[in-house]
Structure formats: structure tokens, C-alpha cells
């Protein structure tokens, strides 16, 4: 495994991040534990989760599964850089009670204690805002975070799904307060087929020293050889990938992508991850394996070196938006 610093911090993290969203809904507890053991054995030390994972009436279940894994001992918690998120409604029956979601100081205090209990740990390395909260000022958010840092319950704060201007706003207000280092990471939707983050989000993250953590690096399976799998009678595309393939132009684009990589003898999913590892500002993509075999495939991407010819061809198939503001102005 290769490691890098998380943004401007002194925290050293693996170039692949283990995403745990499938733990509970699609992967049972024992298999989830086996995947986490395999990830740690392979050198992945950065694990990502969220308080809402488990979904529906099972919200919080994923954190519980990680907690029972930590409880097995073997220095599991000590070796893991643990990131979780706050913002979502944790009510299992639908509508939240007032102040039981988003980023008020009250909900942050309540949510972090609940996550710590489920995770069976006394601190969280990176506590991330899962989405922006337009109703809560950053002065209040940072006050709540400062208290948690002082209490030793969290070490760093990060963001997820933030636009560039909110990254700037959050860190400028943190700087004015003078007693917090602000956001240290941004988790954003970013992959070969979805490159809009290159216009504003990633430049803002780089300017303020945030590590970029792409989620959905395979665009919901779209970049994992989905057409070939369909032809071979494998798992059919669903969700975002199925919607994209329904468009003839988009399907032709994915076909060109798969044809290119077949020509070079490269697995599509591994190429998509390896491409992200070449991108400026990217700390490491989140991989969310449902099985141990999927984790093994993701690990190969760390060692995969894409040639300049392949990188150039990928840019032709999936052109980025261009820099800001030139992409939309003279």
C-alpha cells in the first residue's frame, strides 16, 4: 500500500479508502468483518462511514458493525483512521424531531455521542459534514467542533458534497475564529464520467489544503466493465449506471472506454481507480466492496501505472469541463 498526507495535516493515510456503506444492507456482519480484516492486512488504514448508513429503520447499523469489529481487539482501532459523517435524519420512521438532523450545535453534540457509542470507541479521527446546512452559520458549527476537539471526541473536521464557495467560506470563518484549522478534507462525487468537481470543488480544496476523497469512483458500476458483464450474463446495471446506458450516446462512450482498456489488457474498474490516483489534489478514492474479491481488484489499482497514451485516450473519451472560469467565460 502507498500512503500520503491528508491535505495539509500531519495525518498519513492510505491511497485507497475503505467505504463501508454496503456493510449491513448488502454485506452481513461476519463478511463485513472479514473485508475490514483483509483491508487492514493490505495496508488500508483509512475507513469511511456515516451515521445514516444502514438506511431506513436500520440507520446506524453500519457504524455498529464497525464497532463490533473494533471490539474484537488486535489493535484494530489503533491502526484505523476512522471517518464518519453527520447531517442526515436519524429517525427510522421518516420525519425527524426538531434538531435531530443537520448541523446545529445541538445535533452535532447529540450525533457524535451516538456515533461513538455505536462505533465502540472514544474518539473519531475525521468528523465530516455530510452536506451543507444553509440554516446554520459556520460560526456555530465551528464552535461545536472546537468543543468536541477540546473534549478529545474528534481530531479533525471534513466536508462532503460541498461546493467550492462553501469550502472557502468554511475555512475563512475558521481562520477568523483563530482557534481551529478548519476543514481538512472534502469528499466529493468525482470519476472519469463525472468530472464537474474539477471546475470549482477541487481547486478550492487545493487552495485551502484539503485532501480530496472521491466517492463513487466507478460511477455506480458504470466504469467497472458494465457492458461486458451484461453480455456475459453477469450483474446488470442499475441506478445511475442503468440510466446512463439508456442514452445511446452515453452507451457508445462507455463502449469506447471498455474497448480501449480491452485493447491494453486492463480491467476497467482498476483503470478508473488508477486514473483518480493520478489526479491533482486527490488523496484516495473510496472503494466500497461488497465482497472480498472486489477488494482484491481495487487493491491492484494502486500498483497500476497508466501510460500517457492510455491517459490521453481516456481524456478524449471523457473530456473534463476545463478550468474555472475559462470553462464558462472568455
Foldseek 3Di string as FASTA:
>chain_A
DDWDDFFPDPDIFDQEEAEQLCDQVQADLVQSLVLLVVCVVLPGAHYEEEQQRNHALGRNVSLLSLQVSVVVDPCNVVSHQAEYEFFDQPDNVDDHDPPCGGQALSNVVVVLVVSCVSNVHQAHAEYEYQEHDPVDDLVRNVVSVLVCVVVRRYHAYAYEPDWQVVQVRQQVVVVVVPRHLTHAAYEYADWLQDFQCQAGVQVSCNVSRGAYEYEPLCQQVLQQCQVVCVVVVHDHGDDRNVVQCVDVVSVVLSVLQVVLCVVVVHGRVLVGQLLQSPDPRHRHYHDHDSGSVSVVSNSVSVVDDDDPVSNVVSCVSRPHQDYPPVSPPD
